[in-house]
PDB file of N, CA and C in Angstrom:
ATOM      1  N   MET A   1    -146.983 -39.539  46.657  1.00  0.00           N
ATOM      2  CA  MET A   1    -148.078 -39.876  45.781  1.00  0.00           C
ATOM      3  C   MET A   1    -148.814 -38.593  45.434  1.00  0.00           C
ATOM      4  N   ASP A   2    -149.253 -38.503  44.179  1.00  0.00           N
ATOM      5  CA  ASP A   2    -150.072 -37.378  43.740  1.00  0.00           C
ATOM      6  C   ASP A   2    -151.534 -37.776  43.867  1.00  0.00           C
ATOM      7  N   ILE A   3    -152.338 -36.873  44.388  1.00  0.00           N
ATOM      8  CA  ILE A   3    -153.774 -37.081  44.500  1.00  0.00           C
ATOM      9  C   ILE A   3    -154.417 -36.049  43.589  1.00  0.00           C
ATOM     10  N   VAL A   4    -155.192 -36.538  42.619  1.00  0.00           N
ATOM     11  CA  VAL A   4    -155.706 -35.702  41.545  1.00  0.00           C
ATOM     12  C   VAL A   4    -157.226 -35.748  41.512  1.00  0.00           C
ATOM     13  N   ASN A   5    -157.838 -34.587  41.363  1.00  0.00           N
ATOM     14  CA  ASN A   5    -159.277 -34.490  41.152  1.00  0.00           C
ATOM     15  C   ASN A   5    -159.492 -34.194  39.677  1.00  0.00           C
ATOM     16  N   ASP A   6    -159.786 -35.236  38.908  1.00  0.00           N
ATOM     17  CA  ASP A   6    -159.942 -35.112  37.462  1.00  0.00           C
ATOM     18  C   ASP A   6    -161.416 -34.938  37.089  1.00  0.00           C
ATOM     19  N   THR A   7    -162.176 -34.266  37.956  1.00  0.00           N
ATOM     20  CA  THR A   7    -163.603 -34.040  37.709  1.00  0.00           C
ATOM     21  C   THR A   7    -163.875 -32.546  37.656  1.00  0.00           C
ATOM     22  N   SER A   8    -165.119 -32.217  37.360  1.00  0.00           N
ATOM     23  CA  SER A   8    -165.534 -30.805  37.340  1.00  0.00           C
ATOM     24  C   SER A   8    -166.178 -30.392  38.662  1.00  0.00           C
ATOM     25  N   GLN A   9    -166.041 -31.233  39.700  1.00  0.00           N
ATOM     26  CA  GLN A   9    -166.629 -30.968  41.011  1.00  0.00           C
ATOM     27  C   GLN A   9    -165.544 -30.818  42.070  1.00  0.00           C
ATOM     28  N   ASP A  10    -165.717 -29.890  42.986  1.00  0.00           N
ATOM     29  CA  ASP A  10    -164.812 -29.782  44.127  1.00  0.00           C
ATOM     30  C   ASP A  10    -165.026 -30.993  45.027  1.00  0.00           C
ATOM     31  N   ALA A  11    -163.981 -31.401  45.726  1.00  0.00           N
ATOM     32  CA  ALA A  11    -164.068 -32.577  46.597  1.00  0.00           C
ATOM     33  C   ALA A  11    -163.282 -32.330  47.876  1.00  0.00           C
ATOM     34  N   LYS A  12    -163.531 -33.163  48.855  1.00  0.00           N
ATOM     35  CA  LYS A  12    -162.723 -33.242  50.069  1.00  0.00           C
ATOM     36  C   LYS A  12    -161.957 -34.555  49.972  1.00  0.00           C
ATOM     37  N   VAL A  13    -160.779 -34.611  50.570  1.00  0.00           N
ATOM     38  CA  VAL A  13    -159.963 -35.819  50.471  1.00  0.00           C
ATOM     39  C   VAL A  13    -159.267 -36.086  51.796  1.00  0.00           C
ATOM     40  N   ARG A  14    -159.082 -37.367  52.095  1.00  0.00           N
ATOM     41  CA  ARG A  14    -158.351 -37.760  53.307  1.00  0.00           C
ATOM     42  C   ARG A  14    -157.676 -39.103  53.033  1.00  0.00           C
ATOM     43  N   VAL A  15    -156.505 -39.268  53.614  1.00  0.00           N
ATOM     44  CA  VAL A  15    -155.735 -40.511  53.473  1.00  0.00           C
ATOM     45  C   VAL A  15    -155.514 -41.091  54.858  1.00  0.00           C
ATOM     46  N   SER A  16    -155.734 -42.414  54.997  1.00  0.00           N
ATOM     47  CA  SER A  16    -155.421 -43.080  56.260  1.00  0.00           C
ATOM     48  C   SER A  16    -154.553 -44.288  55.964  1.00  0.00           C
ATOM     49  N   SER A  17    -153.772 -44.679  56.944  1.00  0.00           N
ATOM     50  CA  SER A  17    -152.840 -45.784  56.780  1.00  0.00           C
ATOM     51  C   SER A  17    -153.389 -47.049  57.396  1.00  0.00           C
ATOM     52  N   GLY A  18    -153.113 -48.168  56.723  1.00  0.00           N
ATOM     53  CA  GLY A  18    -153.391 -49.465  57.316  1.00  0.00           C
ATOM     54  C   GLY A  18    -152.384 -49.742  58.414  1.00  0.00           C
ATOM     55  N   GLY A  19    -151.168 -49.233  58.229  1.00  0.00           N
ATOM     56  CA  GLY A  19    -150.140 -49.276  59.255  1.00  0.00           C
ATOM     57  C   GLY A  19    -149.505 -50.623  59.522  1.00  0.00           C
ATOM     58  N   SER A  20    -150.130 -51.702  59.101  1.00  0.00           N
ATOM     59  CA  SER A  20    -149.584 -53.011  59.411  1.00  0.00           C
ATOM     60  C   SER A  20    -149.263 -53.804  58.163  1.00  0.00           C
ATOM     61  N   GLY A  21    -149.291 -53.149  57.001  1.00  0.00           N
ATOM     62  CA  GLY A  21    -149.023 -53.844  55.759  1.00  0.00           C
ATOM     63  C   GLY A  21    -150.251 -54.515  55.170  1.00  0.00           C
ATOM     64  N   ILE A  22    -151.423 -54.359  55.819  1.00  0.00           N
ATOM     65  CA  ILE A  22    -152.660 -54.888  55.261  1.00  0.00           C
ATOM     66  C   ILE A  22    -153.625 -53.733  55.035  1.00  0.00           C
ATOM     67  N   ALA A  23    -154.509 -53.909  54.093  1.00  0.00           N
ATOM     68  CA  ALA A  23    -155.445 -52.830  53.749  1.00  0.00           C
ATOM     69  C   ALA A  23    -156.353 -52.502  54.921  1.00  0.00           C
ATOM     70  N   PRO A  24    -156.617 -51.212  55.158  1.00  0.00           N
ATOM     71  CA  PRO A  24    -157.565 -50.821  56.197  1.00  0.00           C
ATOM     72  C   PRO A  24    -158.937 -51.417  55.912  1.00  0.00           C
ATOM     73  N   GLN A  25    -159.667 -51.734  56.947  1.00  0.00           N
ATOM     74  CA  GLN A  25    -160.986 -52.349  56.805  1.00  0.00           C
ATOM     75  C   GLN A  25    -162.078 -51.350  57.160  1.00  0.00           C
ATOM     76  N   GLY A  26    -163.262 -51.558  56.597  1.00  0.00           N
ATOM     77  CA  GLY A  26    -164.425 -50.752  56.968  1.00  0.00           C
ATOM     78  C   GLY A  26    -164.347 -49.328  56.455  1.00  0.00           C
ATOM     79  N   GLN A  27    -164.974 -48.438  57.187  1.00  0.00           N
ATOM     80  CA  GLN A  27    -165.047 -47.019  56.827  1.00  0.00           C
ATOM     81  C   GLN A  27    -164.180 -46.227  57.805  1.00  0.00           C
ATOM     82  N   PRO A  28    -162.888 -46.038  57.521  1.00  0.00           N
ATOM     83  CA  PRO A  28    -161.993 -45.421  58.495  1.00  0.00           C
ATOM     84  C   PRO A  28    -162.278 -43.954  58.785  1.00  0.00           C
ATOM     85  N   PHE A  29    -163.121 -43.309  57.998  1.00  0.00           N
ATOM     86  CA  PHE A  29    -163.347 -41.877  58.159  1.00  0.00           C
ATOM     87  C   PHE A  29    -164.749 -41.550  58.651  1.00  0.00           C
ATOM     88  N   GLU A  30    -165.510 -42.558  59.039  1.00  0.00           N
ATOM     89  CA  GLU A  30    -166.932 -42.392  59.306  1.00  0.00           C
ATOM     90  C   GLU A  30    -167.248 -41.340  60.368  1.00  0.00           C
ATOM     91  N   ASP A  31    -166.444 -41.238  61.411  1.00  0.00           N
ATOM     92  CA  ASP A  31    -166.751 -40.331  62.514  1.00  0.00           C
ATOM     93  C   ASP A  31    -166.060 -38.976  62.403  1.00  0.00           C
ATOM     94  N   GLU A  32    -165.383 -38.711  61.301  1.00  0.00           N
ATOM     95  CA  GLU A  32    -164.623 -37.473  61.187  1.00  0.00           C
ATOM     96  C   GLU A  32    -165.483 -36.323  60.685  1.00  0.00           C
ATOM     97  N   ASN A  33    -165.110 -35.131  61.078  1.00  0.00           N
ATOM     98  CA  ASN A  33    -165.769 -33.908  60.645  1.00  0.00           C
ATOM     99  C   ASN A  33    -165.194 -33.505  59.287  1.00  0.00           C
ATOM    100  N   LEU A  34    -166.035 -33.458  58.265  1.00  0.00           N
ATOM    101  CA  LEU A  34    -165.561 -33.124  56.921  1.00  0.00           C
ATOM    102  C   LEU A  34    -164.948 -31.734  56.832  1.00  0.00           C
ATOM    103  N   ALA A  35    -165.307 -30.847  57.735  1.00  0.00           N
ATOM    104  CA  ALA A  35    -164.733 -29.499  57.711  1.00  0.00           C
ATOM    105  C   ALA A  35    -163.226 -29.547  57.929  1.00  0.00           C
ATOM    106  N   ASP A  36    -162.738 -30.617  58.572  1.00  0.00           N
ATOM    107  CA  ASP A  36    -161.306 -30.757  58.821  1.00  0.00           C
ATOM    108  C   ASP A  36    -160.552 -31.375  57.646  1.00  0.00           C
ATOM    109  N   TRP A  37    -161.267 -31.883  56.655  1.00  0.00           N
ATOM    110  CA  TRP A  37    -160.633 -32.525  55.507  1.00  0.00           C
ATOM    111  C   TRP A  37    -160.104 -31.471  54.542  1.00  0.00           C
ATOM    112  N   PRO A  38    -158.962 -31.706  53.935  1.00  0.00           N
ATOM    113  CA  PRO A  38    -158.467 -30.782  52.911  1.00  0.00           C
ATOM    114  C   PRO A  38    -159.398 -30.740  51.699  1.00  0.00           C
ATOM    115  N   SER A  39    -159.561 -29.556  51.135  1.00  0.00           N
ATOM    116  CA  SER A  39    -160.349 -29.398  49.910  1.00  0.00           C
ATOM    117  C   SER A  39    -159.452 -29.648  48.706  1.00  0.00           C
ATOM    118  N   LEU A  40    -160.040 -30.255  47.692  1.00  0.00           N
ATOM    119  CA  LEU A  40    -159.336 -30.488  46.433  1.00  0.00           C
ATOM    120  C   LEU A  40    -160.247 -29.972  45.325  1.00  0.00           C
ATOM    121  N   PRO A  41    -159.927 -28.798  44.779  1.00  0.00           N
ATOM    122  CA  PRO A  41    -160.821 -28.204  43.786  1.00  0.00           C
ATOM    123  C   PRO A  41    -160.885 -29.033  42.503  1.00  0.00           C
ATOM    124  N   ALA A  42    -161.929 -28.805  41.744  1.00  0.00           N
ATOM    125  CA  ALA A  42    -162.070 -29.454  40.444  1.00  0.00           C
ATOM    126  C   ALA A  42    -160.812 -29.222  39.620  1.00  0.00           C
ATOM    127  N   GLY A  43    -160.273 -30.291  39.053  1.00  0.00           N
ATOM    128  CA  GLY A  43    -159.061 -30.184  38.241  1.00  0.00           C
ATOM    129  C   GLY A  43    -157.784 -30.021  39.049  1.00  0.00           C
ATOM    130  N   GLY A  44    -157.876 -30.018  40.366  1.00  0.00           N
ATOM    131  CA  GLY A  44    -156.710 -29.778  41.209  1.00  0.00           C
ATOM    132  C   GLY A  44    -155.948 -31.041  41.567  1.00  0.00           C
ATOM    133  N   HIS A  45    -154.790 -30.833  42.150  1.00  0.00           N
ATOM    134  CA  HIS A  45    -154.012 -31.970  42.656  1.00  0.00           C
ATOM    135  C   HIS A  45    -153.207 -31.523  43.859  1.00  0.00           C
ATOM    136  N   LEU A  46    -152.813 -32.506  44.653  1.00  0.00           N
ATOM    137  CA  LEU A  46    -151.926 -32.237  45.770  1.00  0.00           C
ATOM    138  C   LEU A  46    -150.944 -33.385  45.894  1.00  0.00           C
ATOM    139  N   ARG A  47    -149.847 -33.118  46.524  1.00  0.00           N
ATOM    140  CA  ARG A  47    -148.803 -34.120  46.750  1.00  0.00           C
ATOM    141  C   ARG A  47    -148.927 -34.585  48.186  1.00  0.00           C
ATOM    142  N   HIS A  48    -148.944 -35.909  48.402  1.00  0.00           N
ATOM    143  CA  HIS A  48    -149.071 -36.477  49.738  1.00  0.00           C
ATOM    144  C   HIS A  48    -147.962 -37.490  49.945  1.00  0.00           C
ATOM    145  N   ASN A  49    -147.267 -37.389  51.057  1.00  0.00           N
ATOM    146  CA  ASN A  49    -146.203 -38.332  51.404  1.00  0.00           C
ATOM    147  C   ASN A  49    -146.669 -39.173  52.582  1.00  0.00           C
ATOM    148  N   PRO A  50    -147.360 -40.285  52.296  1.00  0.00           N
ATOM    149  CA  PRO A  50    -147.904 -41.095  53.378  1.00  0.00           C
ATOM    150  C   PRO A  50    -146.809 -41.805  54.163  1.00  0.00           C
ATOM    151  N   LEU A  51    -147.087 -42.025  55.442  1.00  0.00           N
ATOM    152  CA  LEU A  51    -146.141 -42.752  56.279  1.00  0.00           C
ATOM    153  C   LEU A  51    -146.189 -44.235  55.948  1.00  0.00           C
ATOM    154  N   PRO A  52    -145.030 -44.893  55.868  1.00  0.00           N
ATOM    155  CA  PRO A  52    -145.007 -46.319  55.593  1.00  0.00           C
ATOM    156  C   PRO A  52    -145.562 -47.099  56.772  1.00  0.00           C
ATOM    157  N   PRO A  53    -145.971 -48.321  56.653  1.00  0.00           N
ATOM    158  CA  PRO A  53    -145.669 -49.158  55.504  1.00  0.00           C
ATOM    159  C   PRO A  53    -146.775 -49.181  54.460  1.00  0.00           C
ATOM    160  N   GLY A  54    -147.951 -48.635  54.736  1.00  0.00           N
ATOM    161  CA  GLY A  54    -149.058 -48.757  53.799  1.00  0.00           C
ATOM    162  C   GLY A  54    -149.692 -50.119  53.929  1.00  0.00           C
ATOM    163  N   PRO A  55    -150.644 -50.459  53.140  1.00  0.00           N
ATOM    164  CA  PRO A  55    -151.323 -49.618  52.152  1.00  0.00           C
ATOM    165  C   PRO A  55    -152.123 -48.505  52.817  1.00  0.00           C
ATOM    166  N   TRP A  56    -152.671 -47.611  51.988  1.00  0.00           N
ATOM    167  CA  TRP A  56    -153.401 -46.456  52.483  1.00  0.00           C
ATOM    168  C   TRP A  56    -154.771 -46.391  51.833  1.00  0.00           C
ATOM    169  N   THR A  57    -155.764 -46.023  52.602  1.00  0.00           N
ATOM    170  CA  THR A  57    -157.086 -45.764  52.048  1.00  0.00           C
ATOM    171  C   THR A  57    -157.155 -44.292  51.698  1.00  0.00           C
ATOM    172  N   VAL A  58    -157.535 -44.012  50.458  1.00  0.00           N
ATOM    173  CA  VAL A  58    -157.736 -42.636  49.995  1.00  0.00           C
ATOM    174  C   VAL A  58    -159.233 -42.473  49.800  1.00  0.00           C
ATOM    175  N   CYS A  59    -159.800 -41.495  50.491  1.00  0.00           N
ATOM    176  CA  CYS A  59    -161.246 -41.285  50.458  1.00  0.00           C
ATOM    177  C   CYS A  59    -161.545 -39.879  49.947  1.00  0.00           C
ATOM    178  N   PHE A  60    -162.416 -39.804  48.968  1.00  0.00           N
ATOM    179  CA  PHE A  60    -162.915 -38.536  48.450  1.00  0.00           C
ATOM    180  C   PHE A  60    -164.384 -38.418  48.834  1.00  0.00           C
ATOM    181  N   ILE A  61    -164.807 -37.223  49.172  1.00  0.00           N
ATOM    182  CA  ILE A  61    -166.219 -36.912  49.332  1.00  0.00           C
ATOM    183  C   ILE A  61    -166.536 -35.867  48.269  1.00  0.00           C
ATOM    184  N   VAL A  62    -167.448 -36.207  47.379  1.00  0.00           N
ATOM    185  CA  VAL A  62    -167.839 -35.294  46.308  1.00  0.00           C
ATOM    186  C   VAL A  62    -169.363 -35.323  46.192  1.00  0.00           C
ATOM    187  N   ASN A  63    -169.955 -34.154  46.243  1.00  0.00           N
ATOM    188  CA  ASN A  63    -171.426 -34.030  46.200  1.00  0.00           C
ATOM    189  C   ASN A  63    -172.099 -34.912  47.245  1.00  0.00           C
ATOM    190  N   GLY A  64    -171.498 -35.035  48.409  1.00  0.00           N
ATOM    191  CA  GLY A  64    -172.079 -35.820  49.488  1.00  0.00           C
ATOM    192  C   GLY A  64    -171.885 -37.322  49.364  1.00  0.00           C
ATOM    193  N   HIS A  65    -171.186 -37.765  48.333  1.00  0.00           N
ATOM    194  CA  HIS A  65    -170.960 -39.189  48.118  1.00  0.00           C
ATOM    195  C   HIS A  65    -169.513 -39.554  48.420  1.00  0.00           C
ATOM    196  N   ARG A  66    -169.336 -40.689  49.066  1.00  0.00           N
ATOM    197  CA  ARG A  66    -168.006 -41.201  49.419  1.00  0.00           C
ATOM    198  C   ARG A  66    -167.509 -42.125  48.305  1.00  0.00           C
ATOM    199  N   VAL A  67    -166.262 -41.896  47.888  1.00  0.00           N
ATOM    200  CA  VAL A  67    -165.591 -42.761  46.925  1.00  0.00           C
ATOM    201  C   VAL A  67    -164.218 -43.042  47.510  1.00  0.00           C
ATOM    202  N   GLN A  68    -163.892 -44.316  47.686  1.00  0.00           N
ATOM    203  CA  GLN A  68    -162.581 -44.596  48.261  1.00  0.00           C
ATOM    204  C   GLN A  68    -161.917 -45.773  47.567  1.00  0.00           C
ATOM    205  N   GLY A  69    -160.598 -45.782  47.672  1.00  0.00           N
ATOM    206  CA  GLY A  69    -159.799 -46.844  47.088  1.00  0.00           C
ATOM    207  C   GLY A  69    -158.563 -47.071  47.932  1.00  0.00           C
ATOM    208  N   VAL A  70    -157.820 -48.098  47.594  1.00  0.00           N
ATOM    209  CA  VAL A  70    -156.619 -48.456  48.344  1.00  0.00           C
ATOM    210  C   VAL A  70    -155.395 -48.217  47.472  1.00  0.00           C
ATOM    211  N   ALA A  71    -154.438 -47.477  48.029  1.00  0.00           N
ATOM    212  CA  ALA A  71    -153.148 -47.241  47.382  1.00  0.00           C
ATOM    213  C   ALA A  71    -152.104 -48.096  48.093  1.00  0.00           C
ATOM    214  N   ARG A  72    -151.357 -48.823  47.340  1.00  0.00           N
ATOM    215  CA  ARG A  72    -150.317 -49.698  47.895  1.00  0.00           C
ATOM    216  C   ARG A  72    -148.952 -49.051  47.704  1.00  0.00           C
ATOM    217  N   PRO A  73    -147.949 -49.511  48.435  1.00  0.00           N
ATOM    218  CA  PRO A  73    -146.603 -48.974  48.213  1.00  0.00           C
ATOM    219  C   PRO A  73    -146.248 -49.033  46.723  1.00  0.00           C
ATOM    220  N   GLY A  74    -145.654 -47.983  46.226  1.00  0.00           N
ATOM    221  CA  GLY A  74    -145.320 -47.882  44.811  1.00  0.00           C
ATOM    222  C   GLY A  74    -146.359 -47.124  44.009  1.00  0.00           C
ATOM    223  N   THR A  75    -147.510 -46.826  44.617  1.00  0.00           N
ATOM    224  CA  THR A  75    -148.535 -46.042  43.933  1.00  0.00           C
ATOM    225  C   THR A  75    -148.001 -44.636  43.714  1.00  0.00           C
ATOM    226  N   SER A  76    -148.119 -44.151  42.485  1.00  0.00           N
ATOM    227  CA  SER A  76    -147.649 -42.792  42.226  1.00  0.00           C
ATOM    228  C   SER A  76    -148.791 -41.798  42.115  1.00  0.00           C
ATOM    229  N   THR A  77    -149.976 -42.273  41.677  1.00  0.00           N
ATOM    230  CA  THR A  77    -151.105 -41.362  41.491  1.00  0.00           C
ATOM    231  C   THR A  77    -152.411 -42.031  41.911  1.00  0.00           C
ATOM    232  N   VAL A  78    -153.224 -41.269  42.640  1.00  0.00           N
ATOM    233  CA  VAL A  78    -154.596 -41.674  42.946  1.00  0.00           C
ATOM    234  C   VAL A  78    -155.473 -40.573  42.368  1.00  0.00           C
ATOM    235  N   LYS A  79    -156.377 -40.974  41.480  1.00  0.00           N
ATOM    236  CA  LYS A  79    -157.173 -39.989  40.747  1.00  0.00           C
ATOM    237  C   LYS A  79    -158.664 -40.224  40.972  1.00  0.00           C
ATOM    238  N   LEU A  80    -159.392 -39.144  41.290  1.00  0.00           N
ATOM    239  CA  LEU A  80    -160.846 -39.164  41.301  1.00  0.00           C
ATOM    240  C   LEU A  80    -161.275 -38.839  39.876  1.00  0.00           C
ATOM    241  N   ALA A  81    -161.996 -39.777  39.242  1.00  0.00           N
ATOM    242  CA  ALA A  81    -162.371 -39.617  37.840  1.00  0.00           C
ATOM    243  C   ALA A  81    -163.877 -39.717  37.679  1.00  0.00           C
ATOM    244  N   PRO A  82    -164.429 -39.022  36.677  1.00  0.00           N
ATOM    245  CA  PRO A  82    -165.860 -39.148  36.415  1.00  0.00           C
ATOM    246  C   PRO A  82    -166.161 -40.505  35.788  1.00  0.00           C
ATOM    247  N   GLU A  83    -167.364 -41.009  36.080  1.00  0.00           N
ATOM    248  CA  GLU A  83    -167.827 -42.255  35.465  1.00  0.00           C
ATOM    249  C   GLU A  83    -169.337 -42.143  35.310  1.00  0.00           C
ATOM    250  N   GLY A  84    -169.761 -41.655  34.146  1.00  0.00           N
ATOM    251  CA  GLY A  84    -171.185 -41.413  33.928  1.00  0.00           C
ATOM    252  C   GLY A  84    -171.663 -40.336  34.893  1.00  0.00           C
ATOM    253  N   ASN A  85    -172.689 -40.641  35.684  1.00  0.00           N
ATOM    254  CA  ASN A  85    -173.219 -39.706  36.676  1.00  0.00           C
ATOM    255  C   ASN A  85    -172.590 -39.917  38.041  1.00  0.00           C
ATOM    256  N   ALA A  86    -171.552 -40.734  38.125  1.00  0.00           N
ATOM    257  CA  ALA A  86    -170.904 -41.051  39.397  1.00  0.00           C
ATOM    258  C   ALA A  86    -169.403 -40.779  39.261  1.00  0.00           C
ATOM    259  N   PHE A  87    -168.647 -41.323  40.210  1.00  0.00           N
ATOM    260  CA  PHE A  87    -167.196 -41.129  40.227  1.00  0.00           C
ATOM    261  C   PHE A  87    -166.526 -42.456  40.552  1.00  0.00           C
ATOM    262  N   ARG A  88    -165.270 -42.577  40.180  1.00  0.00           N
ATOM    263  CA  ARG A  88    -164.483 -43.755  40.498  1.00  0.00           C
ATOM    264  C   ARG A  88    -163.068 -43.320  40.844  1.00  0.00           C
ATOM    265  N   ILE A  89    -162.323 -44.233  41.435  1.00  0.00           N
ATOM    266  CA  ILE A  89    -160.931 -43.960  41.766  1.00  0.00           C
ATOM    267  C   ILE A  89    -160.048 -44.787  40.846  1.00  0.00           C
ATOM    268  N   VAL A  90    -159.037 -44.126  40.294  1.00  0.00           N
ATOM    269  CA  VAL A  90    -158.048 -44.791  39.448  1.00  0.00           C
ATOM    270  C   VAL A  90    -156.728 -44.721  40.203  1.00  0.00           C
ATOM    271  N   VAL A  91    -156.109 -45.888  40.448  1.00  0.00           N
ATOM    272  CA  VAL A  91    -154.842 -45.958  41.160  1.00  0.00           C
ATOM    273  C   VAL A  91    -153.766 -46.438  40.189  1.00  0.00           C
ATOM    274  N   ASP A  92    -152.740 -45.620  40.008  1.00  0.00           N
ATOM    275  CA  ASP A  92    -151.618 -45.992  39.115  1.00  0.00           C
ATOM    276  C   ASP A  92    -150.343 -46.162  39.910  1.00  0.00           C
TER     277      ASP A  92
END
């Protein structure tokens, strides 16, 4: 899956697996240190090969705000996109 930052802001990103074929619940990244998260610069992208079976929660932190979405098996792209003064996730 490609993870794309389609904004003008740098972001941090992390992916976690539901592992049991059901979507992860709650805030799976709440206790993690953001310094350990990979950086995704504005306009950047990275390739991620998540472990099956999925689905996976993809979480972006941008300007101190958390934006997350769920990628299911077959997802090819997860994009952080601008939406007015906020951000949204687009899953294709």
